[in-house]
C-alpha atoms as a PDB file:
ATOM      1  CA  MET A   1       5.412 -20.884  15.498  1.00  0.00           C
ATOM      2  CA  LYS A   2       8.862 -19.798  14.656  1.00  0.00           C
ATOM      3  CA  ILE A   3      10.163 -16.786  12.913  1.00  0.00           C
ATOM      4  CA  ARG A   4      10.664 -16.386   9.563  1.00  0.00           C
ATOM      5  CA  ARG A   5      13.114 -13.393   7.055  1.00  0.00           C
ATOM      6  CA  LEU A   6      10.893 -13.433   3.775  1.00  0.00           C
ATOM      7  CA  GLY A   7      11.994 -12.156   0.455  1.00  0.00           C
ATOM      8  CA  SER A   8      10.984  -8.964   0.360  1.00  0.00           C
ATOM      9  CA  GLY A   9      12.540  -8.772   3.742  1.00  0.00           C
ATOM     10  CA  SER A  10       9.826  -8.577   6.666  1.00  0.00           C
ATOM     11  CA  VAL A  11      10.752 -11.104   9.199  1.00  0.00           C
ATOM     12  CA  VAL A  12       7.509 -12.419  10.732  1.00  0.00           C
ATOM     13  CA  TYR A  13       6.654 -14.775  13.412  1.00  0.00           C
ATOM     14  CA  GLY A  14       3.857 -17.271  13.205  1.00  0.00           C
ATOM     15  CA  ALA A  15       1.662 -16.606   9.605  1.00  0.00           C
ATOM     16  CA  LEU A  16       1.640 -13.633   8.126  1.00  0.00           C
ATOM     17  CA  PRO A  17      -1.304 -11.518   8.190  1.00  0.00           C
ATOM     18  CA  GLU A  18      -3.909 -11.995   5.168  1.00  0.00           C
ATOM     19  CA  GLY A  19      -3.776  -8.546   4.048  1.00  0.00           C
ATOM     20  CA  CYS A  20      -0.018  -8.386   4.449  1.00  0.00           C
ATOM     21  CA  ARG A  21      -0.301 -11.438   1.862  1.00  0.00           C
ATOM     22  CA  LEU A  22      -1.710 -10.032  -0.850  1.00  0.00           C
ATOM     23  CA  CYS A  23      -0.287  -6.962   0.247  1.00  0.00           C
ATOM     24  CA  GLN A  24       3.232  -7.761  -0.809  1.00  0.00           C
ATOM     25  CA  GLN A  25       2.711  -9.746  -3.555  1.00  0.00           C
ATOM     26  CA  GLY A  26       1.225  -6.550  -5.093  1.00  0.00           C
ATOM     27  CA  LEU A  27      -2.755  -7.503  -5.244  1.00  0.00           C
ATOM     28  CA  LYS A  28      -4.498  -5.586  -2.295  1.00  0.00           C
ATOM     29  CA  THR A  29      -6.359  -1.957  -4.618  1.00  0.00           C
ATOM     30  CA  VAL A  30      -5.680   1.083  -1.423  1.00  0.00           C
ATOM     31  CA  VAL A  31      -8.314   3.750  -0.892  1.00  0.00           C
ATOM     32  CA  PHE A  32      -7.085   6.429   0.807  1.00  0.00           C
ATOM     33  CA  LEU A  33     -10.900   7.708   1.996  1.00  0.00           C
ATOM     34  CA  THR A  34      -9.844  10.765   3.457  1.00  0.00           C
ATOM     35  CA  GLY A  35      -6.791  12.936   5.109  1.00  0.00           C
ATOM     36  CA  LYS A  36      -8.221  14.545   8.215  1.00  0.00           C
ATOM     37  CA  CYS A  37      -7.247  12.646  11.304  1.00  0.00           C
ATOM     38  CA  PRO A  38      -8.518  12.799  15.340  1.00  0.00           C
ATOM     39  CA  ALA A  39      -5.127  11.602  16.106  1.00  0.00           C
ATOM     40  CA  ARG A  40      -2.364  13.984  16.053  1.00  0.00           C
ATOM     41  CA  CYS A  41       0.762  11.353  15.581  1.00  0.00           C
ATOM     42  CA  PHE A  42       4.085  13.503  15.349  1.00  0.00           C
ATOM     43  CA  TYR A  43       5.227  10.476  12.805  1.00  0.00           C
ATOM     44  CA  CYS A  44       3.070  10.719  10.619  1.00  0.00           C
ATOM     45  CA  PRO A  45       3.848  10.257   6.946  1.00  0.00           C
ATOM     46  CA  LEU A  46       1.358  11.634   4.973  1.00  0.00           C
ATOM     47  CA  SER A  47       2.351  14.146   1.848  1.00  0.00           C
ATOM     48  CA  SER A  48       0.718  17.917   2.190  1.00  0.00           C
ATOM     49  CA  GLU A  49      -1.185  17.102  -0.839  1.00  0.00           C
ATOM     50  CA  ARG A  50      -3.279  14.703   1.144  1.00  0.00           C
ATOM     51  CA  ARG A  51      -2.397  15.373   5.277  1.00  0.00           C
ATOM     52  CA  ASN A  52      -5.831  17.440   7.211  1.00  0.00           C
ATOM     53  CA  ARG A  53      -7.572  17.509   2.926  1.00  0.00           C
ATOM     54  CA  ASP A  54     -10.387  15.204   2.847  1.00  0.00           C
ATOM     55  CA  VAL A  55      -9.385  14.133  -0.594  1.00  0.00           C
ATOM     56  CA  VAL A  56      -9.615  10.461  -1.667  1.00  0.00           C
ATOM     57  CA  PHE A  57      -7.320   8.052  -4.194  1.00  0.00           C
ATOM     58  CA  VAL A  58      -7.929   4.862  -5.095  1.00  0.00           C
ATOM     59  CA  ASN A  59      -4.096   3.200  -5.910  1.00  0.00           C
ATOM     60  CA  GLU A  60      -2.893   7.115  -6.769  1.00  0.00           C
ATOM     61  CA  ARG A  61      -4.966   8.924  -9.098  1.00  0.00           C
ATOM     62  CA  LEU A  62      -7.369  11.213  -7.330  1.00  0.00           C
ATOM     63  CA  VAL A  63     -10.857  10.768  -7.435  1.00  0.00           C
ATOM     64  CA  ASP A  64     -13.950  12.237  -6.774  1.00  0.00           C
ATOM     65  CA  GLN A  65     -15.811  10.662  -3.928  1.00  0.00           C
ATOM     66  CA  SER A  66     -19.562  11.406  -6.119  1.00  0.00           C
ATOM     67  CA  GLU A  67     -17.655   9.115  -8.912  1.00  0.00           C
ATOM     68  CA  LEU A  68     -15.497   6.948  -6.072  1.00  0.00           C
ATOM     69  CA  ARG A  69     -17.641   3.907  -6.606  1.00  0.00           C
ATOM     70  CA  THR A  70     -16.905   2.946  -9.947  1.00  0.00           C
ATOM     71  CA  ALA A  71     -13.713   3.884 -10.215  1.00  0.00           C
ATOM     72  CA  LEU A  72     -12.560   1.686  -7.394  1.00  0.00           C
ATOM     73  CA  VAL A  73     -14.542  -1.490  -9.046  1.00  0.00           C
ATOM     74  CA  VAL A  74     -12.796   0.129 -12.237  1.00  0.00           C
ATOM     75  CA  GLU A  75      -9.341  -0.010 -10.483  1.00  0.00           C
ATOM     76  CA  VAL A  76     -10.012  -3.204  -8.508  1.00  0.00           C
ATOM     77  CA  LEU A  77     -10.041  -5.110 -12.119  1.00  0.00           C
ATOM     78  CA  ARG A  78      -7.965  -3.433 -14.304  1.00  0.00           C
ATOM     79  CA  SER A  79      -5.311  -4.081 -11.348  1.00  0.00           C
ATOM     80  CA  ALA A  80      -6.571  -8.142 -10.466  1.00  0.00           C
ATOM     81  CA  SER A  81      -6.954  -6.715  -7.595  1.00  0.00           C
ATOM     82  CA  LEU A  82      -8.061  -9.733  -5.248  1.00  0.00           C
ATOM     83  CA  GLY A  83      -8.475  -7.238  -1.636  1.00  0.00           C
ATOM     84  CA  VAL A  84      -8.392  -3.624  -0.902  1.00  0.00           C
ATOM     85  CA  SER A  85      -7.764  -1.760   2.514  1.00  0.00           C
ATOM     86  CA  PHE A  86      -9.414   1.428   3.390  1.00  0.00           C
ATOM     87  CA  THR A  87      -6.494   4.584   4.623  1.00  0.00           C
ATOM     88  CA  GLY A  88      -5.981   7.767   6.167  1.00  0.00           C
ATOM     89  CA  GLY A  89      -5.601   9.998   7.876  1.00  0.00           C
ATOM     90  CA  GLU A  90      -9.496   8.131   9.875  1.00  0.00           C
ATOM     91  CA  PRO A  91     -10.820   6.441   6.945  1.00  0.00           C
ATOM     92  CA  LEU A  92     -13.590   5.549   9.957  1.00  0.00           C
ATOM     93  CA  LEU A  93     -14.663   9.929   9.416  1.00  0.00           C
ATOM     94  CA  LYS A  94     -16.656   7.790   6.862  1.00  0.00           C
ATOM     95  CA  HIS A  95     -17.443   5.097   8.283  1.00  0.00           C
ATOM     96  CA  ARG A  96     -20.553   4.497   6.650  1.00  0.00           C
ATOM     97  CA  LEU A  97     -19.054   4.969   3.102  1.00  0.00           C
ATOM     98  CA  VAL A  98     -16.653   2.190   4.602  1.00  0.00           C
ATOM     99  CA  ALA A  99     -19.693   0.088   5.079  1.00  0.00           C
ATOM    100  CA  ASP A 100     -21.062   0.591   1.738  1.00  0.00           C
ATOM    101  CA  LEU A 101     -18.269  -0.077  -0.277  1.00  0.00           C
ATOM    102  CA  THR A 102     -16.966  -2.785   1.825  1.00  0.00           C
ATOM    103  CA  ALA A 103     -20.927  -4.383   1.563  1.00  0.00           C
ATOM    104  CA  LEU A 104     -20.020  -3.467  -2.955  1.00  0.00           C
ATOM    105  CA  LEU A 105     -17.306  -5.123  -3.107  1.00  0.00           C
ATOM    106  CA  LYS A 106     -18.347  -8.519  -1.291  1.00  0.00           C
ATOM    107  CA  ASP A 107     -21.150  -8.584  -4.103  1.00  0.00           C
ATOM    108  CA  ARG A 108     -19.073  -7.792  -6.992  1.00  0.00           C
ATOM    109  CA  PHE A 109     -15.768  -9.956  -5.967  1.00  0.00           C
ATOM    110  CA  THR A 110     -17.681 -12.607  -3.860  1.00  0.00           C
ATOM    111  CA  ARG A 111     -16.710 -13.218  -0.118  1.00  0.00           C
ATOM    112  CA  ARG A 112     -13.399 -14.210  -0.563  1.00  0.00           C
ATOM    113  CA  PHE A 113     -12.292 -10.539  -2.004  1.00  0.00           C
ATOM    114  CA  HIS A 114     -10.213  -9.702   1.268  1.00  0.00           C
ATOM    115  CA  VAL A 115     -10.799  -5.802   3.022  1.00  0.00           C
ATOM    116  CA  HIS A 116      -8.822  -4.687   5.601  1.00  0.00           C
ATOM    117  CA  LEU A 117      -8.857  -1.386   7.434  1.00  0.00           C
ATOM    118  CA  TYR A 118      -6.791   1.164   9.327  1.00  0.00           C
ATOM    119  CA  THR A 119      -8.265   3.076  12.488  1.00  0.00           C
ATOM    120  CA  SER A 120      -7.274   4.824  15.540  1.00  0.00           C
ATOM    121  CA  GLY A 121      -9.861   3.913  17.198  1.00  0.00           C
ATOM    122  CA  MET A 122     -11.654   7.581  18.250  1.00  0.00           C
ATOM    123  CA  PRO A 123     -14.679   7.081  16.287  1.00  0.00           C
ATOM    124  CA  LEU A 124     -15.237   3.468  17.105  1.00  0.00           C
ATOM    125  CA  THR A 125     -18.855   2.701  18.959  1.00  0.00           C
ATOM    126  CA  PRO A 126     -20.820  -0.697  19.301  1.00  0.00           C
ATOM    127  CA  LYS A 127     -23.098   0.582  15.939  1.00  0.00           C
ATOM    128  CA  ILE A 128     -20.418   1.381  13.842  1.00  0.00           C
ATOM    129  CA  ILE A 129     -18.462  -1.952  14.340  1.00  0.00           C
ATOM    130  CA  GLU A 130     -21.595  -3.689  13.747  1.00  0.00           C
ATOM    131  CA  GLU A 131     -21.968  -2.081  10.924  1.00  0.00           C
ATOM    132  CA  LEU A 132     -18.526  -3.097   9.690  1.00  0.00           C
ATOM    133  CA  ALA A 133     -19.084  -6.782  10.665  1.00  0.00           C
ATOM    134  CA  ASP A 134     -22.444  -6.964   8.567  1.00  0.00           C
ATOM    135  CA  SER A 135     -20.537  -5.601   6.435  1.00  0.00           C
ATOM    136  CA  GLY A 136     -18.527  -8.615   5.763  1.00  0.00           C
ATOM    137  CA  LEU A 137     -14.415  -6.367   6.598  1.00  0.00           C
ATOM    138  CA  ASP A 138     -12.333  -9.003   7.395  1.00  0.00           C
ATOM    139  CA  GLU A 139      -9.414  -7.121   8.934  1.00  0.00           C
ATOM    140  CA  LEU A 140      -9.650  -4.387  11.274  1.00  0.00           C
ATOM    141  CA  ARG A 141      -5.721  -2.483  12.216  1.00  0.00           C
ATOM    142  CA  VAL A 142      -6.304  -0.112  15.055  1.00  0.00           C
ATOM    143  CA  HIS A 143      -3.577   2.481  15.863  1.00  0.00           C
ATOM    144  CA  ALA A 144      -4.986   4.227  18.811  1.00  0.00           C
ATOM    145  CA  SER A 145      -2.407   6.182  21.937  1.00  0.00           C
ATOM    146  CA  LEU A 146      -1.663   3.213  24.118  1.00  0.00           C
ATOM    147  CA  SER A 147      -3.882   5.087  26.898  1.00  0.00           C
ATOM    148  CA  LYS A 148      -6.844   4.455  24.806  1.00  0.00           C
ATOM    149  CA  LEU A 149      -5.594   1.510  22.980  1.00  0.00           C
ATOM    150  CA  GLU A 150      -7.582  -1.021  25.329  1.00  0.00           C
ATOM    151  CA  GLU A 151     -10.689   0.859  25.595  1.00  0.00           C
ATOM    152  CA  SER A 152     -10.965   0.230  22.008  1.00  0.00           C
ATOM    153  CA  LEU A 153     -10.061  -3.199  22.244  1.00  0.00           C
ATOM    154  CA  ARG A 154     -12.645  -3.482  25.236  1.00  0.00           C
ATOM    155  CA  LYS A 155     -15.843  -1.569  22.302  1.00  0.00           C
ATOM    156  CA  ILE A 156     -14.302  -4.229  19.871  1.00  0.00           C
ATOM    157  CA  ARG A 157     -14.528  -7.602  21.516  1.00  0.00           C
ATOM    158  CA  SER A 158     -18.157  -6.411  23.347  1.00  0.00           C
ATOM    159  CA  ALA A 159     -19.363  -6.045  19.788  1.00  0.00           C
ATOM    160  CA  SER A 160     -20.117  -9.272  17.721  1.00  0.00           C
ATOM    161  CA  GLY A 161     -18.415  -8.706  14.730  1.00  0.00           C
ATOM    162  CA  GLY A 162     -16.756 -11.488  12.777  1.00  0.00           C
ATOM    163  CA  PHE A 163     -13.514 -10.320  11.470  1.00  0.00           C
ATOM    164  CA  ARG A 164     -10.383 -10.644  12.432  1.00  0.00           C
ATOM    165  CA  VAL A 165      -8.063  -7.464  15.021  1.00  0.00           C
ATOM    166  CA  GLY A 166      -4.552  -6.036  15.150  1.00  0.00           C
ATOM    167  CA  LEU A 167      -2.316  -3.902  15.917  1.00  0.00           C
ATOM    168  CA  GLU A 168      -0.818  -1.704  13.547  1.00  0.00           C
ATOM    169  CA  TYR A 169       2.385   0.730  14.961  1.00  0.00           C
ATOM    170  CA  PRO A 170       5.734   1.945  13.222  1.00  0.00           C
ATOM    171  CA  SER A 171       8.422   0.519  15.290  1.00  0.00           C
ATOM    172  CA  LEU A 172      10.242   3.585  17.385  1.00  0.00           C
ATOM    173  CA  PRO A 173      14.079   3.521  18.333  1.00  0.00           C
ATOM    174  CA  GLY A 174      14.563   3.318  21.937  1.00  0.00           C
ATOM    175  CA  ALA A 175      10.586   2.168  22.137  1.00  0.00           C
ATOM    176  CA  TYR A 176      10.851  -0.914  22.865  1.00  0.00           C
ATOM    177  CA  GLU A 177       9.273  -1.368  27.033  1.00  0.00           C
ATOM    178  CA  GLN A 178       6.105   0.642  25.046  1.00  0.00           C
ATOM    179  CA  LEU A 179       6.363  -2.069  22.503  1.00  0.00           C
ATOM    180  CA  ILE A 180       6.337  -4.698  24.363  1.00  0.00           C
ATOM    181  CA  LYS A 181       2.493  -3.587  25.779  1.00  0.00           C
ATOM    182  CA  LEU A 182       1.551  -4.603  22.709  1.00  0.00           C
ATOM    183  CA  LEU A 183       2.262  -8.036  23.082  1.00  0.00           C
ATOM    184  CA  ASP A 184       0.620  -8.069  26.579  1.00  0.00           C
ATOM    185  CA  ILE A 185      -2.260  -6.540  25.452  1.00  0.00           C
ATOM    186  CA  ALA A 186      -2.402  -8.157  21.907  1.00  0.00           C
ATOM    187  CA  GLU A 187      -2.122 -11.832  24.425  1.00  0.00           C
ATOM    188  CA  LYS A 188      -5.448 -10.265  27.421  1.00  0.00           C
ATOM    189  CA  TYR A 189      -7.413  -9.298  23.761  1.00  0.00           C
ATOM    190  CA  GLU A 190      -7.054 -12.725  21.982  1.00  0.00           C
ATOM    191  CA  LEU A 191      -5.799 -10.766  18.916  1.00  0.00           C
ATOM    192  CA  ASP A 192      -4.780 -11.754  16.071  1.00  0.00           C
ATOM    193  CA  PHE A 193      -1.920 -10.091  14.825  1.00  0.00           C
ATOM    194  CA  ILE A 194       0.829  -7.376  15.583  1.00  0.00           C
ATOM    195  CA  VAL A 195       2.802  -5.217  12.626  1.00  0.00           C
ATOM    196  CA  LEU A 196       5.525  -3.193  13.073  1.00  0.00           C
ATOM    197  CA  ASN A 197       6.187  -0.443  10.628  1.00  0.00           C
ATOM    198  CA  GLU A 198       9.766  -0.276   9.872  1.00  0.00           C
ATOM    199  CA  LEU A 199       9.565   4.161  11.079  1.00  0.00           C
ATOM    200  CA  GLU A 200       9.947   5.496   7.617  1.00  0.00           C
ATOM    201  CA  PHE A 201      10.894   9.811   7.285  1.00  0.00           C
ATOM    202  CA  THR A 202       8.983  11.683   4.375  1.00  0.00           C
ATOM    203  CA  GLU A 203       9.355  15.283   3.966  1.00  0.00           C
ATOM    204  CA  THR A 204       6.385  15.619   6.240  1.00  0.00           C
ATOM    205  CA  ASN A 205       7.147  14.054   9.239  1.00  0.00           C
ATOM    206  CA  ALA A 206      11.574  15.107   9.033  1.00  0.00           C
ATOM    207  CA  SER A 207      11.223  17.937  11.430  1.00  0.00           C
ATOM    208  CA  SER A 208       9.741  16.362  13.889  1.00  0.00           C
ATOM    209  CA  LEU A 209      10.885  13.363  13.677  1.00  0.00           C
ATOM    210  CA  LEU A 210      14.707  14.915  13.470  1.00  0.00           C
ATOM    211  CA  LEU A 211      13.539  17.246  16.820  1.00  0.00           C
ATOM    212  CA  ARG A 212      13.349  14.256  18.833  1.00  0.00           C
ATOM    213  CA  GLY A 213      16.515  12.963  18.615  1.00  0.00           C
ATOM    214  CA  PHE A 214      15.646  10.183  15.725  1.00  0.00           C
ATOM    215  CA  THR A 215      18.341  10.047  13.011  1.00  0.00           C
ATOM    216  CA  MET A 216      18.429   9.721   9.181  1.00  0.00           C
ATOM    217  CA  ARG A 217      19.662   5.986   7.921  1.00  0.00           C
ATOM    218  CA  GLU A 218      21.828   5.653   5.082  1.00  0.00           C
ATOM    219  CA  ASP A 219      19.339   5.706   3.124  1.00  0.00           C
ATOM    220  CA  TYR A 220      17.642   8.896   4.028  1.00  0.00           C
ATOM    221  CA  ARG A 221      14.259   7.126   3.883  1.00  0.00           C
ATOM    222  CA  ALA A 222      14.216   5.285   7.558  1.00  0.00           C
ATOM    223  CA  ALA A 223      14.900   5.753  11.008  1.00  0.00           C
ATOM    224  CA  GLN A 224      18.526   4.790  12.387  1.00  0.00           C
ATOM    225  CA  GLY A 225      17.627   1.463  15.216  1.00  0.00           C
ATOM    226  CA  SER A 226      13.443   0.788  13.840  1.00  0.00           C
ATOM    227  CA  SER A 227      14.552  -2.509  12.565  1.00  0.00           C
ATOM    228  CA  GLU A 228      16.792  -3.344  15.340  1.00  0.00           C
ATOM    229  CA  VAL A 229      14.193  -2.769  17.727  1.00  0.00           C
ATOM    230  CA  ALA A 230      11.548  -4.470  16.022  1.00  0.00           C
ATOM    231  CA  LEU A 231      13.202  -7.794  16.312  1.00  0.00           C
ATOM    232  CA  ARG A 232      13.367  -7.680  19.661  1.00  0.00           C
ATOM    233  CA  VAL A 233       9.669  -7.342  20.359  1.00  0.00           C
ATOM    234  CA  ILE A 234       9.617 -11.051  17.753  1.00  0.00           C
ATOM    235  CA  GLU A 235      12.333 -12.080  19.240  1.00  0.00           C
ATOM    236  CA  GLU A 236      10.508 -11.917  23.071  1.00  0.00           C
ATOM    237  CA  ALA A 237       7.151 -12.833  21.033  1.00  0.00           C
ATOM    238  CA  GLU A 238       8.521 -15.572  20.121  1.00  0.00           C
ATOM    239  CA  ARG A 239      10.016 -16.806  23.456  1.00  0.00           C
ATOM    240  CA  ARG A 240       6.958 -16.406  25.357  1.00  0.00           C
ATOM    241  CA  GLY A 241       5.015 -18.280  21.925  1.00  0.00           C
ATOM    242  CA  VAL A 242       2.474 -16.481  21.750  1.00  0.00           C
ATOM    243  CA  ALA A 243      -0.770 -17.065  19.595  1.00  0.00           C
ATOM    244  CA  PHE A 244      -0.480 -14.370  17.194  1.00  0.00           C
ATOM    245  CA  SER A 245       1.627 -13.697  14.909  1.00  0.00           C
ATOM    246  CA  VAL A 246       3.654 -10.513  15.094  1.00  0.00           C
ATOM    247  CA  HIS A 247       5.283  -8.853  11.430  1.00  0.00           C
ATOM    248  CA  PHE A 248       7.764  -6.216  10.592  1.00  0.00           C
ATOM    249  CA  CYS A 249       7.908  -4.417   7.647  1.00  0.00           C
ATOM    250  CA  PRO A 250      10.590  -2.564   6.215  1.00  0.00           C
ATOM    251  CA  VAL A 251       9.623   0.525   4.462  1.00  0.00           C
ATOM    252  CA  ARG A 252      11.452  -0.928   1.292  1.00  0.00           C
ATOM    253  CA  VAL A 253       9.340  -3.354   0.940  1.00  0.00           C
ATOM    254  CA  LYS A 254       5.872  -0.996  -0.082  1.00  0.00           C
ATOM    255  CA  ASP A 255       8.578   0.605  -2.947  1.00  0.00           C
ATOM    256  CA  SER A 256      10.079  -2.841  -3.998  1.00  0.00           C
ATOM    257  CA  PHE A 257       6.740  -5.240  -3.627  1.00  0.00           C
ATOM    258  CA  GLN A 258       3.520  -3.742  -2.669  1.00  0.00           C
ATOM    259  CA  THR A 259       3.262  -0.546  -5.911  1.00  0.00           C
ATOM    260  CA  VAL A 260       5.805  -2.083  -7.757  1.00  0.00           C
ATOM    261  CA  LEU A 261       4.253  -5.166  -8.670  1.00  0.00           C
ATOM    262  CA  ARG A 262       0.588  -3.818  -8.244  1.00  0.00           C
ATOM    263  CA  THR A 263       1.815  -1.333 -11.160  1.00  0.00           C
ATOM    264  CA  TYR A 264       3.936  -4.121 -13.399  1.00  0.00           C
ATOM    265  CA  ARG A 265       0.296  -6.437 -12.564  1.00  0.00           C
ATOM    266  CA  PHE A 266      -1.756  -3.697 -13.906  1.00  0.00           C
ATOM    267  CA  SER A 267       0.983  -2.270 -17.195  1.00  0.00           C
ATOM    268  CA  THR A 268       0.625  -6.253 -18.404  1.00  0.00           C
ATOM    269  CA  LEU A 269      -3.442  -6.312 -18.470  1.00  0.00           C
ATOM    270  CA  THR A 270      -3.792  -2.946 -19.880  1.00  0.00           C
ATOM    271  CA  ALA A 271      -0.562  -2.321 -22.282  1.00  0.00           C
ATOM    272  CA  LEU A 272      -1.244  -1.728 -25.931  1.00  0.00           C
ATOM    273  CA  PRO A 273       0.386  -4.142 -28.055  1.00  0.00           C
ATOM    274  CA  TYR A 274       2.977  -1.459 -28.828  1.00  0.00           C
ATOM    275  CA  GLN A 275       4.342  -0.875 -25.557  1.00  0.00           C
ATOM    276  CA  LEU A 276       6.616  -2.857 -24.001  1.00  0.00           C
ATOM    277  CA  VAL A 277       6.106  -3.540 -19.982  1.00  0.00           C
ATOM    278  CA  THR A 278       9.214  -3.558 -17.808  1.00  0.00           C
ATOM    279  CA  ASP A 279      10.290  -5.137 -14.728  1.00  0.00           C
ATOM    280  CA  GLU A 280       9.147  -1.950 -12.665  1.00  0.00           C
ATOM    281  CA  GLY A 281       6.145  -1.936 -14.366  1.00  0.00           C
ATOM    282  CA  THR A 282       6.896   0.986 -16.515  1.00  0.00           C
ATOM    283  CA  SER A 283       6.664   0.659 -20.872  1.00  0.00           C
ATOM    284  CA  LEU A 284       7.936   1.746 -23.206  1.00  0.00           C
ATOM    285  CA  GLU A 285       7.070   2.287 -27.100  1.00  0.00           C
ATOM    286  CA  LEU A 286       8.121   3.580 -30.122  1.00  0.00           C
ATOM    287  CA  MET A 287       7.352   7.470 -31.192  1.00  0.00           C
ATOM    288  CA  TYR A 288       8.605   7.905 -34.743  1.00  0.00           C
ATOM    289  CA  THR A 289       8.145  10.654 -37.439  1.00  0.00           C
ATOM    290  CA  SER A 290       8.753   9.189 -40.626  1.00  0.00           C
ATOM    291  CA  SER A 291      10.495   5.664 -41.494  1.00  0.00           C
ATOM    292  CA  ARG A 292      14.078   4.521 -42.858  1.00  0.00           C
ATOM    293  CA  GLU A 293      12.052   2.371 -45.801  1.00  0.00           C
ATOM    294  CA  GLU A 294       8.328   1.591 -46.396  1.00  0.00           C
ATOM    295  CA  SER A 295       8.145  -1.070 -43.770  1.00  0.00           C
ATOM    296  CA  GLY A 296       5.189  -3.907 -43.318  1.00  0.00           C
ATOM    297  CA  ILE A 297       5.709  -4.179 -40.471  1.00  0.00           C
ATOM    298  CA  LEU A 298       4.652  -1.078 -39.102  1.00  0.00           C
ATOM    299  CA  GLU A 299       1.038  -0.782 -40.898  1.00  0.00           C
ATOM    300  CA  LEU A 300       0.406  -3.584 -37.823  1.00  0.00           C
ATOM    301  CA  TYR A 301       0.258  -0.240 -35.320  1.00  0.00           C
ATOM    302  CA  PRO A 302      -1.118   3.170 -35.147  1.00  0.00           C
ATOM    303  CA  GLU A 303       0.734   6.161 -37.214  1.00  0.00           C
ATOM    304  CA  GLY A 304       3.235   7.165 -35.056  1.00  0.00           C
ATOM    305  CA  ARG A 305       3.483   4.267 -32.879  1.00  0.00           C
ATOM    306  CA  ALA A 306       5.593   1.158 -32.735  1.00  0.00           C
ATOM    307  CA  PRO A 307       7.553  -1.710 -30.439  1.00  0.00           C
ATOM    308  CA  ILE A 308      10.979  -0.024 -29.434  1.00  0.00           C
ATOM    309  CA  PHE A 309      12.495  -3.011 -31.181  1.00  0.00           C
ATOM    310  CA  TYR A 310      11.244  -1.861 -34.557  1.00  0.00           C
ATOM    311  CA  ASP A 311      14.429   0.982 -34.409  1.00  0.00           C
ATOM    312  CA  GLU A 312      16.051   0.084 -37.351  1.00  0.00           C
ATOM    313  CA  VAL A 313      13.251   1.423 -39.919  1.00  0.00           C
ATOM    314  CA  VAL A 314      12.676   4.367 -38.203  1.00  0.00           C
ATOM    315  CA  ALA A 315      14.848   7.590 -39.145  1.00  0.00           C
ATOM    316  CA  GLU A 316      13.770   9.790 -37.074  1.00  0.00           C
ATOM    317  CA  GLY A 317      12.196   8.857 -32.994  1.00  0.00           C
ATOM    318  CA  PHE A 318      12.154   9.038 -30.021  1.00  0.00           C
ATOM    319  CA  ILE A 319      11.927   6.052 -26.750  1.00  0.00           C
ATOM    320  CA  VAL A 320       9.093   7.149 -25.325  1.00  0.00           C
ATOM    321  CA  GLU A 321       9.317   5.667 -21.675  1.00  0.00           C
ATOM    322  CA  ARG A 322       5.466   5.605 -20.026  1.00  0.00           C
ATOM    323  CA  ASN A 323       3.707   5.253 -16.097  1.00  0.00           C
ATOM    324  CA  LEU A 324       0.950   3.921 -16.982  1.00  0.00           C
ATOM    325  CA  ALA A 325      -0.906   3.495 -14.075  1.00  0.00           C
ATOM    326  CA  LEU A 326      -1.095   7.054 -14.039  1.00  0.00           C
ATOM    327  CA  GLY A 327      -2.606   7.380 -17.571  1.00  0.00           C
ATOM    328  CA  GLY A 328       0.528   6.553 -19.774  1.00  0.00           C
ATOM    329  CA  LEU A 329       2.028  10.079 -17.884  1.00  0.00           C
ATOM    330  CA  PRO A 330       4.918  10.622 -20.184  1.00  0.00           C
ATOM    331  CA  LEU A 331       8.448   9.703 -17.234  1.00  0.00           C
ATOM    332  CA  GLU A 332      11.321  10.039 -19.910  1.00  0.00           C
ATOM    333  CA  GLU A 333      12.295  10.595 -24.167  1.00  0.00           C
ATOM    334  CA  THR A 334      15.416   9.415 -25.805  1.00  0.00           C
ATOM    335  CA  PRO A 335      16.637  11.019 -29.529  1.00  0.00           C
ATOM    336  CA  LEU A 336      17.171   7.819 -31.957  1.00  0.00           C
ATOM    337  CA  LYS A 337      20.468   7.693 -32.428  1.00  0.00           C
ATOM    338  CA  GLY A 338      21.631   4.614 -34.988  1.00  0.00           C
ATOM    339  CA  LYS A 339      21.457   1.758 -32.711  1.00  0.00           C
ATOM    340  CA  LEU A 340      18.560   1.577 -29.593  1.00  0.00           C
ATOM    341  CA  GLN A 341      19.403   3.951 -26.508  1.00  0.00           C
ATOM    342  CA  THR A 342      17.151   4.110 -23.729  1.00  0.00           C
ATOM    343  CA  GLY A 343      19.153   6.393 -21.697  1.00  0.00           C
ATOM    344  CA  ARG A 344      18.178   3.997 -19.086  1.00  0.00           C
END
């Protein structure tokens, strides 16, 4: 196996884990099951809207748990997803729900529909592991403290789980020796992959990271030195010739690929005939109150709405940009001034 740099900016030794491959194509629906978590990671990037709150989101939509099953199936169909990831917080605080939803997805979308799950490992028991395996879970991604990681992995390996098991950790600058231990542990327990995420600065973790001496990169998103230490670990994995893959995922992959491609696919499937989908996955439409002349072409569309390229027959109106993934939320309105001007 060799190190490869992907077009997304990711760097991988070996094969990209299936959950990552689908994610980078925008083909994963993300289910945030709860913001509650027994772990207290100082680098947790969750927003104040989610952290320590028992809320459920399907992609970016807040969902009532009583309607989750229907909302999840609908969102998968609207987004043309080929898989789902369960995340949090600690999603295994609702392990029965995870198992039920996994079984539902496998039943509705065939056994090939890919499901992966993130966990701190703290709630794991042999019974829960068996529950997850029976439901058809494909990947379990463990993020436990190093002092408790092997205990979690022993539980997993002692059970008869048929899913792939990997580790997922942030790449902390200055933590090369600790990250190298992950290689040793992955070899010992014959894991399938390690994912190292670039350390992300967010509104909620910035103070904690700065107090510990981490500094922001110029993009104000990632930590200085995070990518460098991850690449060193990947190079060590290649030098050793380990049998599992190691994937470094930069912060920009989430924004530029995972979210944008999912939003773009959603928009192309749900846009109305008068809405033009942009490369960013938003939509543009023409809203007007009066036209310059009688135009039969405008009669093909709902009154007051038309594609933006019919601006010449409109006397007064706006170009409206919307986020269709958020229920058509208006993002920007630009008045028409003679020729088309979108302000973009």
